[in-house]
Amino acid sequence: MNVEPESRRRVRRQGPAVLRGRAIPKTTTDQRLLDRRGASDWVHADPWRVLRIQAEFVEGFGLLAELGMAVSVFGSSRAKLDSAQYDLAMRISAALAKAGYAVITGGGPGVMEAANKGAASANGVSIGLGIELPQEQGLNDYVDVGLEFRYFFVRKTMFVKYSQAFVVLPGGFGTLDELFEAVTLVQTGKITKFPIVLVQRSYWSGLLAWLRETVAGQDKISAADLDLLSVADEPDEVVRIITEAHRNGTEGEPAGSPVARHAGLAFGMSEVTTPGGSAQAAGGERGQAIARDRERHVDSAADRDDVPGADGRRAEPRADRGRGDNPGR
């Protein structure tokens, strides 16, 4: 009898359940919810789906309710480790973490991994919100706190509810979906206005020209709607746009309010103020546990000046960093 070793078999996580090989269903939970084909027995199954959906909301709200100031970073899952976009996502997230923000991503590879890695390298709070997909991705190794969702709309709610800004790097349909949903919610007044920053002018220039010349030009949106989007190329520019918007009260907080009640406060970190005025994480049992965990998996600062904006520290996965080391798994 020929059995594939565990490391080679396909794996899917469905909430707390782990399925391998032939046990993996041919469709995802989202597909089964939205598929109207087949017999009418879906009438009897939907009440149970409602309870499962409710449970996902409860898990997300419970874990993230006291998160504090956070920024969601979006971008392509296909960005390579040695690409300029991967490096840029790392540097942006490290700068955001140093400014006192938690970094939230989709928890997958590419730009998402780079953003979690950048936050981890700067001792920030790194959060991943994964999703069940036919091609299993799993949470990357730089997520400190993570959830894996069955339903896209629950996951989208978490991104919008617990972020004070969106940073959007080059990406495909998933990235565009998150971008236009956020812009629509802000435009229609469904959520409080907060900064939406597109990163890399050369990538977004064609889309912005089409929105300006065709969509606004034909009165499908107003010219003022384009002001909902900011564009930046460098990490310090991204951080400046976000922090200025929050200081000026355009995100919905009173004008002049401090940027951070720090993201780490919800995870047992106490707040201290640096000479520059930003809040940083220190102490607290859970905060110290996260710091100790990182010390085992982050290279020494010596000879690590290759990550701008992260105090020369670079997070690298080690052989001893498996699923059991990651509280988000």
C-alpha atoms as a PDB file:
ATOM      1  CA  MET A   1       0.000   0.000   0.000  1.00  0.00           C
ATOM      2  CA  ASN A   2       1.482   3.298  -1.168  1.00  0.00           C
ATOM      3  CA  VAL A   3       0.684   6.267   1.106  1.00  0.00           C
ATOM      4  CA  GLU A   4       2.029   9.754   0.512  1.00  0.00           C
ATOM      5  CA  PRO A   5       4.028  11.170   3.430  1.00  0.00           C
ATOM      6  CA  GLU A   6       2.198  13.806   5.420  1.00  0.00           C
ATOM      7  CA  SER A   7       4.453  16.618   4.167  1.00  0.00           C
ATOM      8  CA  ARG A   8       3.422  15.945   0.528  1.00  0.00           C
ATOM      9  CA  ARG A   9      -0.315  15.662   0.997  1.00  0.00           C
ATOM     10  CA  ARG A  10      -2.652  18.563   0.291  1.00  0.00           C
ATOM     11  CA  VAL A  11      -3.879  20.278   3.448  1.00  0.00           C
ATOM     12  CA  ARG A  12      -6.893  22.538   4.008  1.00  0.00           C
ATOM     13  CA  ARG A  13      -7.984  24.266   7.184  1.00  0.00           C
ATOM     14  CA  GLN A  14     -11.684  24.881   7.685  1.00  0.00           C
ATOM     15  CA  GLY A  15     -11.920  26.919  10.848  1.00  0.00           C
ATOM     16  CA  PRO A  16     -10.516  24.670  13.591  1.00  0.00           C
ATOM     17  CA  ALA A  17     -10.663  21.556  11.367  1.00  0.00           C
ATOM     18  CA  VAL A  18      -7.678  20.207   9.394  1.00  0.00           C
ATOM     19  CA  LEU A  19      -8.364  18.082   6.292  1.00  0.00           C
ATOM     20  CA  ARG A  20      -5.770  16.207   4.212  1.00  0.00           C
ATOM     21  CA  GLY A  21      -5.754  14.391   0.884  1.00  0.00           C
ATOM     22  CA  ARG A  22      -9.048  12.794  -0.119  1.00  0.00           C
ATOM     23  CA  ALA A  23     -10.830  14.295   2.885  1.00  0.00           C
ATOM     24  CA  ILE A  24     -10.634  17.754   1.295  1.00  0.00           C
ATOM     25  CA  PRO A  25     -14.009  18.651  -0.317  1.00  0.00           C
ATOM     26  CA  LYS A  26     -14.092  19.780  -3.942  1.00  0.00           C
ATOM     27  CA  THR A  27     -15.726  23.106  -3.052  1.00  0.00           C
ATOM     28  CA  THR A  28     -15.166  25.788  -0.407  1.00  0.00           C
ATOM     29  CA  THR A  29     -17.642  26.893   2.252  1.00  0.00           C
ATOM     30  CA  ASP A  30     -18.263  30.151   0.336  1.00  0.00           C
ATOM     31  CA  GLN A  31     -19.056  28.236  -2.846  1.00  0.00           C
ATOM     32  CA  ARG A  32     -21.586  26.028  -1.100  1.00  0.00           C
ATOM     33  CA  LEU A  33     -23.260  29.064   0.462  1.00  0.00           C
ATOM     34  CA  LEU A  34     -23.564  30.980  -2.821  1.00  0.00           C
ATOM     35  CA  ASP A  35     -24.361  28.063  -5.157  1.00  0.00           C
ATOM     36  CA  ARG A  36     -28.088  27.999  -5.968  1.00  0.00           C
ATOM     37  CA  ARG A  37     -27.975  24.819  -8.057  1.00  0.00           C
ATOM     38  CA  GLY A  38     -29.172  21.447  -6.839  1.00  0.00           C
ATOM     39  CA  ALA A  39     -32.019  20.221  -4.704  1.00  0.00           C
ATOM     40  CA  SER A  40     -33.998  22.382  -2.315  1.00  0.00           C
ATOM     41  CA  ASP A  41     -32.341  20.876   0.751  1.00  0.00           C
ATOM     42  CA  TRP A  42     -30.309  24.107   1.034  1.00  0.00           C
ATOM     43  CA  VAL A  43     -33.381  25.513   2.801  1.00  0.00           C
ATOM     44  CA  HIS A  44     -32.638  23.232   5.731  1.00  0.00           C
ATOM     45  CA  ALA A  45     -28.857  23.791   5.677  1.00  0.00           C
ATOM     46  CA  ASP A  46     -28.773  27.604   5.690  1.00  0.00           C
ATOM     47  CA  PRO A  47     -29.816  28.038   9.353  1.00  0.00           C
ATOM     48  CA  TRP A  48     -26.696  26.104  10.345  1.00  0.00           C
ATOM     49  CA  ARG A  49     -24.606  28.275   8.041  1.00  0.00           C
ATOM     50  CA  VAL A  50     -25.968  31.353   9.792  1.00  0.00           C
ATOM     51  CA  LEU A  51     -24.677  30.006  13.097  1.00  0.00           C
ATOM     52  CA  ARG A  52     -21.269  29.312  11.565  1.00  0.00           C
ATOM     53  CA  ILE A  53     -21.173  32.838  10.119  1.00  0.00           C
ATOM     54  CA  GLN A  54     -22.147  34.234  13.520  1.00  0.00           C
ATOM     55  CA  ALA A  55     -19.347  32.239  15.139  1.00  0.00           C
ATOM     56  CA  GLU A  56     -16.784  33.751  12.742  1.00  0.00           C
ATOM     57  CA  PHE A  57     -17.960  37.266  13.612  1.00  0.00           C
ATOM     58  CA  VAL A  58     -17.750  36.464  17.334  1.00  0.00           C
ATOM     59  CA  GLU A  59     -14.199  35.092  16.959  1.00  0.00           C
ATOM     60  CA  GLY A  60     -13.047  38.131  14.994  1.00  0.00           C
ATOM     61  CA  PHE A  61     -14.702  40.713  17.211  1.00  0.00           C
ATOM     62  CA  GLY A  62     -13.450  39.015  20.353  1.00  0.00           C
ATOM     63  CA  LEU A  63      -9.834  38.818  19.180  1.00  0.00           C
ATOM     64  CA  LEU A  64      -9.544  42.301  17.669  1.00  0.00           C
ATOM     65  CA  ALA A  65     -11.919  44.441  19.756  1.00  0.00           C
ATOM     66  CA  GLU A  66      -9.145  46.132  21.772  1.00  0.00           C
ATOM     67  CA  LEU A  67      -6.549  46.229  19.027  1.00  0.00           C
ATOM     68  CA  GLY A  68      -6.014  49.978  18.902  1.00  0.00           C
ATOM     69  CA  MET A  69      -4.723  51.912  15.894  1.00  0.00           C
ATOM     70  CA  ALA A  70      -4.057  49.645  12.906  1.00  0.00           C
ATOM     71  CA  VAL A  71      -3.422  49.846   9.169  1.00  0.00           C
ATOM     72  CA  SER A  72      -4.391  47.184   6.645  1.00  0.00           C
ATOM     73  CA  VAL A  73      -1.816  46.517   3.927  1.00  0.00           C
ATOM     74  CA  PHE A  74      -2.952  44.907   0.663  1.00  0.00           C
ATOM     75  CA  GLY A  75      -1.051  43.710  -2.397  1.00  0.00           C
ATOM     76  CA  SER A  76      -0.254  40.791  -4.639  1.00  0.00           C
ATOM     77  CA  SER A  77       0.242  37.316  -3.197  1.00  0.00           C
ATOM     78  CA  ARG A  78       2.574  36.668  -6.161  1.00  0.00           C
ATOM     79  CA  ALA A  79       5.294  39.151  -5.216  1.00  0.00           C
ATOM     80  CA  LYS A  80       8.620  37.320  -5.019  1.00  0.00           C
ATOM     81  CA  LEU A  81      10.935  37.394  -2.024  1.00  0.00           C
ATOM     82  CA  ASP A  82      13.660  39.228  -3.971  1.00  0.00           C
ATOM     83  CA  SER A  83      11.325  41.710  -5.705  1.00  0.00           C
ATOM     84  CA  ALA A  84      11.258  45.472  -5.204  1.00  0.00           C
ATOM     85  CA  GLN A  85       7.593  45.305  -4.165  1.00  0.00           C
ATOM     86  CA  TYR A  86       8.332  42.758  -1.423  1.00  0.00           C
ATOM     87  CA  ASP A  87      11.088  45.005  -0.074  1.00  0.00           C
ATOM     88  CA  LEU A  88       8.868  48.097  -0.299  1.00  0.00           C
ATOM     89  CA  ALA A  89       6.044  46.378   1.608  1.00  0.00           C
ATOM     90  CA  MET A  90       8.516  45.405   4.340  1.00  0.00           C
ATOM     91  CA  ARG A  91       9.831  48.936   4.701  1.00  0.00           C
ATOM     92  CA  ILE A  92       6.366  50.515   4.734  1.00  0.00           C
ATOM     93  CA  SER A  93       5.108  48.138   7.434  1.00  0.00           C
ATOM     94  CA  ALA A  94       8.236  48.585   9.544  1.00  0.00           C
ATOM     95  CA  ALA A  95       7.735  52.360   9.377  1.00  0.00           C
ATOM     96  CA  LEU A  96       4.048  52.004  10.298  1.00  0.00           C
ATOM     97  CA  ALA A  97       4.946  49.803  13.267  1.00  0.00           C
ATOM     98  CA  LYS A  98       7.499  52.343  14.474  1.00  0.00           C
ATOM     99  CA  ALA A  99       4.806  55.031  14.199  1.00  0.00           C
ATOM    100  CA  GLY A 100       2.626  53.021  16.596  1.00  0.00           C
ATOM    101  CA  TYR A 101       0.306  51.115  14.255  1.00  0.00           C
ATOM    102  CA  ALA A 102      -0.504  47.431  14.144  1.00  0.00           C
ATOM    103  CA  VAL A 103      -0.245  45.971  10.639  1.00  0.00           C
ATOM    104  CA  ILE A 104      -3.110  43.824   9.330  1.00  0.00           C
ATOM    105  CA  THR A 105      -2.801  41.705   6.188  1.00  0.00           C
ATOM    106  CA  GLY A 106      -4.531  38.789   4.527  1.00  0.00           C
ATOM    107  CA  GLY A 107      -1.918  36.573   6.168  1.00  0.00           C
ATOM    108  CA  GLY A 108      -0.774  34.924   2.931  1.00  0.00           C
ATOM    109  CA  PRO A 109       2.409  35.049   0.834  1.00  0.00           C
ATOM    110  CA  GLY A 110       3.861  37.835  -1.320  1.00  0.00           C
ATOM    111  CA  VAL A 111       3.124  41.399  -0.239  1.00  0.00           C
ATOM    112  CA  MET A 112       1.124  40.101   2.730  1.00  0.00           C
ATOM    113  CA  GLU A 113       4.082  38.131   4.052  1.00  0.00           C
ATOM    114  CA  ALA A 114       6.405  41.074   3.449  1.00  0.00           C
ATOM    115  CA  ALA A 115       4.111  43.405   5.406  1.00  0.00           C
ATOM    116  CA  ASN A 116       3.860  41.013   8.366  1.00  0.00           C
ATOM    117  CA  LYS A 117       7.627  40.531   8.224  1.00  0.00           C
ATOM    118  CA  GLY A 118       8.270  44.280   8.255  1.00  0.00           C
ATOM    119  CA  ALA A 119       5.990  44.796  11.258  1.00  0.00           C
ATOM    120  CA  ALA A 120       7.673  41.912  13.105  1.00  0.00           C
ATOM    121  CA  SER A 121      11.158  43.258  12.362  1.00  0.00           C
ATOM    122  CA  ALA A 122      10.208  46.581  13.967  1.00  0.00           C
ATOM    123  CA  ASN A 123       8.649  44.890  17.036  1.00  0.00           C
ATOM    124  CA  GLY A 124       5.164  45.913  15.951  1.00  0.00           C
ATOM    125  CA  VAL A 125       1.987  43.844  16.184  1.00  0.00           C
ATOM    126  CA  SER A 126       1.623  41.673  13.071  1.00  0.00           C
ATOM    127  CA  ILE A 127      -1.894  40.400  12.314  1.00  0.00           C
ATOM    128  CA  GLY A 128      -3.048  38.023   9.583  1.00  0.00           C
ATOM    129  CA  LEU A 129      -6.635  37.418   8.483  1.00  0.00           C
ATOM    130  CA  GLY A 130      -6.562  34.358   6.246  1.00  0.00           C
ATOM    131  CA  ILE A 131      -9.265  32.841   4.061  1.00  0.00           C
ATOM    132  CA  GLU A 132     -10.205  29.312   2.990  1.00  0.00           C
ATOM    133  CA  LEU A 133      -9.296  28.949  -0.700  1.00  0.00           C
ATOM    134  CA  PRO A 134      -9.196  25.995  -3.115  1.00  0.00           C
ATOM    135  CA  GLN A 135      -5.418  26.504  -3.310  1.00  0.00           C
ATOM    136  CA  GLU A 136      -4.490  26.429   0.378  1.00  0.00           C
ATOM    137  CA  GLN A 137      -2.091  29.195   1.399  1.00  0.00           C
ATOM    138  CA  GLY A 138      -2.149  29.160   5.201  1.00  0.00           C
ATOM    139  CA  LEU A 139      -0.857  31.947   7.426  1.00  0.00           C
ATOM    140  CA  ASN A 140       2.708  33.072   6.835  1.00  0.00           C
ATOM    141  CA  ASP A 141       5.376  32.657   9.536  1.00  0.00           C
ATOM    142  CA  TYR A 142       5.454  36.363  10.490  1.00  0.00           C
ATOM    143  CA  VAL A 143       1.877  36.556  11.820  1.00  0.00           C
ATOM    144  CA  ASP A 144       1.700  37.090  15.605  1.00  0.00           C
ATOM    145  CA  VAL A 145      -2.096  37.040  15.879  1.00  0.00           C
ATOM    146  CA  GLY A 146      -4.177  35.399  13.181  1.00  0.00           C
ATOM    147  CA  LEU A 147      -7.561  34.079  12.166  1.00  0.00           C
ATOM    148  CA  GLU A 148      -8.534  31.954   9.181  1.00  0.00           C
ATOM    149  CA  PHE A 149     -12.036  32.623   7.861  1.00  0.00           C
ATOM    150  CA  ARG A 150     -14.440  30.539   5.811  1.00  0.00           C
ATOM    151  CA  TYR A 151     -16.419  33.500   4.460  1.00  0.00           C
ATOM    152  CA  PHE A 152     -14.977  36.432   2.513  1.00  0.00           C
ATOM    153  CA  PHE A 153     -17.604  38.910   3.732  1.00  0.00           C
ATOM    154  CA  VAL A 154     -16.782  38.208   7.399  1.00  0.00           C
ATOM    155  CA  ARG A 155     -13.084  38.725   6.707  1.00  0.00           C
ATOM    156  CA  LYS A 156     -13.808  41.951   4.810  1.00  0.00           C
ATOM    157  CA  THR A 157     -15.757  43.256   7.802  1.00  0.00           C
ATOM    158  CA  MET A 158     -12.713  42.712  10.039  1.00  0.00           C
ATOM    159  CA  PHE A 159     -10.432  44.620   7.658  1.00  0.00           C
ATOM    160  CA  VAL A 160     -12.778  47.596   7.530  1.00  0.00           C
ATOM    161  CA  LYS A 161     -13.839  47.610  11.185  1.00  0.00           C
ATOM    162  CA  TYR A 162     -10.389  47.399  12.761  1.00  0.00           C
ATOM    163  CA  SER A 163      -8.320  49.538  10.370  1.00  0.00           C
ATOM    164  CA  GLN A 164      -7.771  53.272  10.518  1.00  0.00           C
ATOM    165  CA  ALA A 165      -6.201  53.343   7.039  1.00  0.00           C
ATOM    166  CA  PHE A 166      -5.660  51.172   3.967  1.00  0.00           C
ATOM    167  CA  VAL A 167      -2.303  50.922   2.185  1.00  0.00           C
ATOM    168  CA  VAL A 168      -2.647  49.338  -1.258  1.00  0.00           C
ATOM    169  CA  LEU A 169       0.411  48.065  -3.100  1.00  0.00           C
ATOM    170  CA  PRO A 170       0.305  46.670  -6.655  1.00  0.00           C
ATOM    171  CA  GLY A 171      -1.936  43.637  -6.870  1.00  0.00           C
ATOM    172  CA  GLY A 172      -4.609  41.812  -8.845  1.00  0.00           C
ATOM    173  CA  PHE A 173      -8.349  41.209  -8.527  1.00  0.00           C
ATOM    174  CA  GLY A 174      -8.276  40.602  -4.757  1.00  0.00           C
ATOM    175  CA  THR A 175      -6.369  43.824  -4.142  1.00  0.00           C
ATOM    176  CA  LEU A 176      -8.681  45.787  -6.436  1.00  0.00           C
ATOM    177  CA  ASP A 177     -11.695  44.276  -4.662  1.00  0.00           C
ATOM    178  CA  GLU A 178     -10.474  45.496  -1.259  1.00  0.00           C
ATOM    179  CA  LEU A 179      -9.586  48.912  -2.707  1.00  0.00           C
ATOM    180  CA  PHE A 180     -12.910  49.610  -4.381  1.00  0.00           C
ATOM    181  CA  GLU A 181     -14.957  48.251  -1.485  1.00  0.00           C
ATOM    182  CA  ALA A 182     -13.185  50.661   0.885  1.00  0.00           C
ATOM    183  CA  VAL A 183     -13.617  53.614  -1.486  1.00  0.00           C
ATOM    184  CA  THR A 184     -17.307  52.779  -1.957  1.00  0.00           C
ATOM    185  CA  LEU A 185     -17.952  52.546   1.790  1.00  0.00           C
ATOM    186  CA  VAL A 186     -16.224  55.871   2.393  1.00  0.00           C
ATOM    187  CA  GLN A 187     -17.949  57.557  -0.572  1.00  0.00           C
ATOM    188  CA  THR A 188     -21.412  56.421   0.557  1.00  0.00           C
ATOM    189  CA  GLY A 189     -20.813  57.341   4.196  1.00  0.00           C
ATOM    190  CA  LYS A 190     -21.091  53.765   5.432  1.00  0.00           C
ATOM    191  CA  ILE A 191     -17.745  54.059   7.219  1.00  0.00           C
ATOM    192  CA  THR A 192     -15.899  57.017   8.680  1.00  0.00           C
ATOM    193  CA  LYS A 193     -13.507  58.551   6.193  1.00  0.00           C
ATOM    194  CA  PHE A 194      -9.976  57.272   6.591  1.00  0.00           C
ATOM    195  CA  PRO A 195      -6.853  57.452   4.425  1.00  0.00           C
ATOM    196  CA  ILE A 196      -6.554  55.113   1.437  1.00  0.00           C
ATOM    197  CA  VAL A 197      -3.008  55.230   0.081  1.00  0.00           C
ATOM    198  CA  LEU A 198      -2.043  53.726  -3.284  1.00  0.00           C
ATOM    199  CA  VAL A 199       1.641  52.836  -3.389  1.00  0.00           C
ATOM    200  CA  GLN A 200       3.728  53.123  -6.587  1.00  0.00           C
ATOM    201  CA  ARG A 201       2.493  55.845  -8.917  1.00  0.00           C
ATOM    202  CA  SER A 202       3.691  54.068 -12.049  1.00  0.00           C
ATOM    203  CA  TYR A 203       1.425  51.089 -11.321  1.00  0.00           C
ATOM    204  CA  TRP A 204      -1.741  53.034 -10.490  1.00  0.00           C
ATOM    205  CA  SER A 205      -1.409  55.908 -12.988  1.00  0.00           C
ATOM    206  CA  GLY A 206      -3.423  54.144 -15.716  1.00  0.00           C
ATOM    207  CA  LEU A 207      -6.291  53.324 -13.365  1.00  0.00           C
ATOM    208  CA  LEU A 208      -6.342  56.862 -11.930  1.00  0.00           C
ATOM    209  CA  ALA A 209      -6.338  58.370 -15.430  1.00  0.00           C
ATOM    210  CA  TRP A 210      -9.293  56.165 -16.395  1.00  0.00           C
ATOM    211  CA  LEU A 211     -11.198  57.134 -13.244  1.00  0.00           C
ATOM    212  CA  ARG A 212     -10.515  60.809 -13.881  1.00  0.00           C
ATOM    213  CA  GLU A 213     -11.026  60.989 -17.650  1.00  0.00           C
ATOM    214  CA  THR A 214     -13.690  58.330 -18.253  1.00  0.00           C
ATOM    215  CA  VAL A 215     -15.569  57.600 -15.040  1.00  0.00           C
ATOM    216  CA  ALA A 216     -15.598  61.152 -13.645  1.00  0.00           C
ATOM    217  CA  GLY A 217     -15.602  62.559 -17.174  1.00  0.00           C
ATOM    218  CA  GLN A 218     -18.929  60.827 -17.838  1.00  0.00           C
ATOM    219  CA  ASP A 219     -20.315  61.930 -14.435  1.00  0.00           C
ATOM    220  CA  LYS A 220     -20.387  58.401 -13.016  1.00  0.00           C
ATOM    221  CA  ILE A 221     -18.508  59.753  -9.971  1.00  0.00           C
ATOM    222  CA  SER A 222     -17.802  63.321  -8.921  1.00  0.00           C
ATOM    223  CA  ALA A 223     -14.360  64.857  -9.337  1.00  0.00           C
ATOM    224  CA  ALA A 224     -14.204  65.220  -5.543  1.00  0.00           C
ATOM    225  CA  ASP A 225     -14.462  61.435  -5.163  1.00  0.00           C
ATOM    226  CA  LEU A 226     -10.947  61.109  -6.535  1.00  0.00           C
ATOM    227  CA  ASP A 227      -9.719  62.990  -3.461  1.00  0.00           C
ATOM    228  CA  LEU A 228     -10.554  59.898  -1.424  1.00  0.00           C
ATOM    229  CA  LEU A 229      -7.370  58.327  -2.835  1.00  0.00           C
ATOM    230  CA  SER A 230      -3.795  59.365  -2.057  1.00  0.00           C
ATOM    231  CA  VAL A 231      -0.719  58.192  -3.958  1.00  0.00           C
ATOM    232  CA  ALA A 232       2.787  57.663  -2.584  1.00  0.00           C
ATOM    233  CA  ASP A 233       6.066  56.008  -3.558  1.00  0.00           C
ATOM    234  CA  GLU A 234       8.135  55.909  -0.362  1.00  0.00           C
ATOM    235  CA  PRO A 235       7.469  54.584   3.167  1.00  0.00           C
ATOM    236  CA  ASP A 236       7.917  57.948   4.881  1.00  0.00           C
ATOM    237  CA  GLU A 237       5.389  59.465   2.474  1.00  0.00           C
ATOM    238  CA  VAL A 238       2.849  56.730   3.305  1.00  0.00           C
ATOM    239  CA  VAL A 239       3.296  57.228   7.054  1.00  0.00           C
ATOM    240  CA  ARG A 240       3.092  61.018   6.719  1.00  0.00           C
ATOM    241  CA  ILE A 241      -0.225  60.866   4.817  1.00  0.00           C
ATOM    242  CA  ILE A 242      -1.759  58.556   7.423  1.00  0.00           C
ATOM    243  CA  THR A 243      -0.481  60.277  10.564  1.00  0.00           C
ATOM    244  CA  GLU A 244      -1.399  63.744   9.278  1.00  0.00           C
ATOM    245  CA  ALA A 245      -4.921  62.585   8.437  1.00  0.00           C
ATOM    246  CA  HIS A 246      -5.327  61.191  11.947  1.00  0.00           C
ATOM    247  CA  ARG A 247      -3.870  64.260  13.648  1.00  0.00           C
ATOM    248  CA  ASN A 248      -6.183  66.489  11.613  1.00  0.00           C
ATOM    249  CA  GLY A 249      -9.204  64.454  12.624  1.00  0.00           C
ATOM    250  CA  THR A 250     -10.152  63.366   9.100  1.00  0.00           C
ATOM    251  CA  GLU A 251     -10.307  59.740  10.253  1.00  0.00           C
ATOM    252  CA  GLY A 252     -13.109  60.575  12.657  1.00  0.00           C
ATOM    253  CA  GLU A 253     -11.197  61.191  15.901  1.00  0.00           C
ATOM    254  CA  PRO A 254     -11.110  64.663  17.476  1.00  0.00           C
ATOM    255  CA  ALA A 255      -8.600  66.999  15.842  1.00  0.00           C
ATOM    256  CA  GLY A 256      -5.250  66.915  17.566  1.00  0.00           C
ATOM    257  CA  SER A 257      -5.799  63.486  19.099  1.00  0.00           C
ATOM    258  CA  PRO A 258      -2.605  61.439  19.413  1.00  0.00           C
ATOM    259  CA  VAL A 259      -1.827  58.926  16.707  1.00  0.00           C
ATOM    260  CA  ALA A 260      -1.588  55.955  19.033  1.00  0.00           C
ATOM    261  CA  ARG A 261      -3.223  54.414  21.677  1.00  0.00           C
ATOM    262  CA  HIS A 262      -0.639  51.869  20.549  1.00  0.00           C
ATOM    263  CA  ALA A 263      -1.703  48.718  18.769  1.00  0.00           C
ATOM    264  CA  GLY A 264       0.148  46.629  21.312  1.00  0.00           C
ATOM    265  CA  LEU A 265      -1.893  47.793  24.305  1.00  0.00           C
ATOM    266  CA  ALA A 266      -4.562  45.183  23.617  1.00  0.00           C
ATOM    267  CA  PHE A 267      -1.939  42.466  23.859  1.00  0.00           C
ATOM    268  CA  GLY A 268      -0.548  43.312  27.280  1.00  0.00           C
ATOM    269  CA  MET A 269       1.993  45.945  26.185  1.00  0.00           C
ATOM    270  CA  SER A 270       2.269  49.170  28.136  1.00  0.00           C
ATOM    271  CA  GLU A 271       2.585  52.519  26.394  1.00  0.00           C
ATOM    272  CA  VAL A 272       5.688  54.676  26.559  1.00  0.00           C
ATOM    273  CA  THR A 273       6.393  57.827  24.584  1.00  0.00           C
ATOM    274  CA  THR A 274       9.542  58.226  22.568  1.00  0.00           C
ATOM    275  CA  PRO A 275      11.295  61.586  22.107  1.00  0.00           C
ATOM    276  CA  GLY A 276       9.557  61.850  18.749  1.00  0.00           C
ATOM    277  CA  GLY A 277       6.190  61.617  20.462  1.00  0.00           C
ATOM    278  CA  SER A 278       5.023  58.270  19.078  1.00  0.00           C
ATOM    279  CA  ALA A 279       3.771  55.538  21.350  1.00  0.00           C
ATOM    280  CA  GLN A 280       5.791  52.342  21.544  1.00  0.00           C
ATOM    281  CA  ALA A 281       5.096  48.944  23.079  1.00  0.00           C
ATOM    282  CA  ALA A 282       6.884  47.801  26.185  1.00  0.00           C
ATOM    283  CA  GLY A 283       6.295  45.398  29.055  1.00  0.00           C
ATOM    284  CA  GLY A 284       3.128  43.514  29.830  1.00  0.00           C
ATOM    285  CA  GLU A 285       3.002  39.751  30.018  1.00  0.00           C
ATOM    286  CA  ARG A 286       1.709  39.107  26.517  1.00  0.00           C
ATOM    287  CA  GLY A 287       3.822  41.870  24.994  1.00  0.00           C
ATOM    288  CA  GLN A 288       6.924  40.424  26.651  1.00  0.00           C
ATOM    289  CA  ALA A 289       5.979  36.947  25.431  1.00  0.00           C
ATOM    290  CA  ILE A 290       5.731  38.218  21.856  1.00  0.00           C
ATOM    291  CA  ALA A 291       9.079  39.970  22.249  1.00  0.00           C
ATOM    292  CA  ARG A 292      10.714  36.805  23.613  1.00  0.00           C
ATOM    293  CA  ASP A 293       9.270  34.775  20.771  1.00  0.00           C
ATOM    294  CA  ARG A 294      10.689  37.235  18.274  1.00  0.00           C
ATOM    295  CA  GLU A 295      14.126  37.181  19.845  1.00  0.00           C
ATOM    296  CA  ARG A 296      14.299  33.487  18.975  1.00  0.00           C
ATOM    297  CA  HIS A 297      13.319  34.091  15.348  1.00  0.00           C
ATOM    298  CA  VAL A 298      14.745  37.524  14.447  1.00  0.00           C
ATOM    299  CA  ASP A 299      18.374  37.829  13.459  1.00  0.00           C
ATOM    300  CA  SER A 300      20.674  39.905  15.632  1.00  0.00           C
ATOM    301  CA  ALA A 301      20.804  43.620  14.842  1.00  0.00           C
ATOM    302  CA  ALA A 302      24.523  43.257  14.229  1.00  0.00           C
ATOM    303  CA  ASP A 303      25.306  43.387  10.502  1.00  0.00           C
ATOM    304  CA  ARG A 304      21.599  43.876   9.743  1.00  0.00           C
ATOM    305  CA  ASP A 305      21.470  47.363   8.250  1.00  0.00           C
ATOM    306  CA  ASP A 306      19.754  46.137   5.077  1.00  0.00           C
ATOM    307  CA  VAL A 307      16.181  46.824   6.206  1.00  0.00           C
ATOM    308  CA  PRO A 308      15.582  50.591   6.219  1.00  0.00           C
ATOM    309  CA  GLY A 309      13.019  51.763   8.735  1.00  0.00           C
ATOM    310  CA  ALA A 310      13.370  48.696  10.930  1.00  0.00           C
ATOM    311  CA  ASP A 311      16.379  49.578  13.083  1.00  0.00           C
ATOM    312  CA  GLY A 312      18.513  47.231  11.012  1.00  0.00           C
ATOM    313  CA  ARG A 313      16.623  44.140  12.192  1.00  0.00           C
ATOM    314  CA  ARG A 314      15.384  41.561   9.742  1.00  0.00           C
ATOM    315  CA  ALA A 315      12.985  38.778  10.609  1.00  0.00           C
ATOM    316  CA  GLU A 316      13.833  35.408   9.115  1.00  0.00           C
ATOM    317  CA  PRO A 317      12.031  32.096   9.628  1.00  0.00           C
ATOM    318  CA  ARG A 318      14.126  29.557  11.474  1.00  0.00           C
ATOM    319  CA  ALA A 319      13.840  25.805  11.561  1.00  0.00           C
ATOM    320  CA  ASP A 320      12.331  25.998  15.061  1.00  0.00           C
ATOM    321  CA  ARG A 321       9.514  28.329  13.986  1.00  0.00           C
ATOM    322  CA  GLY A 322       6.726  25.935  13.185  1.00  0.00           C
ATOM    323  CA  ARG A 323       2.992  26.125  13.608  1.00  0.00           C
ATOM    324  CA  GLY A 324       3.256  25.557  17.326  1.00  0.00           C
ATOM    325  CA  ASP A 325       5.287  28.757  17.735  1.00  0.00           C
ATOM    326  CA  ASN A 326       2.655  30.926  16.063  1.00  0.00           C
ATOM    327  CA  PRO A 327      -0.226  32.038  18.307  1.00  0.00           C
ATOM    328  CA  GLY A 328      -2.232  32.968  15.235  1.00  0.00           C
ATOM    329  CA  ARG A 329      -2.301  29.419  13.842  1.00  0.00           C
END
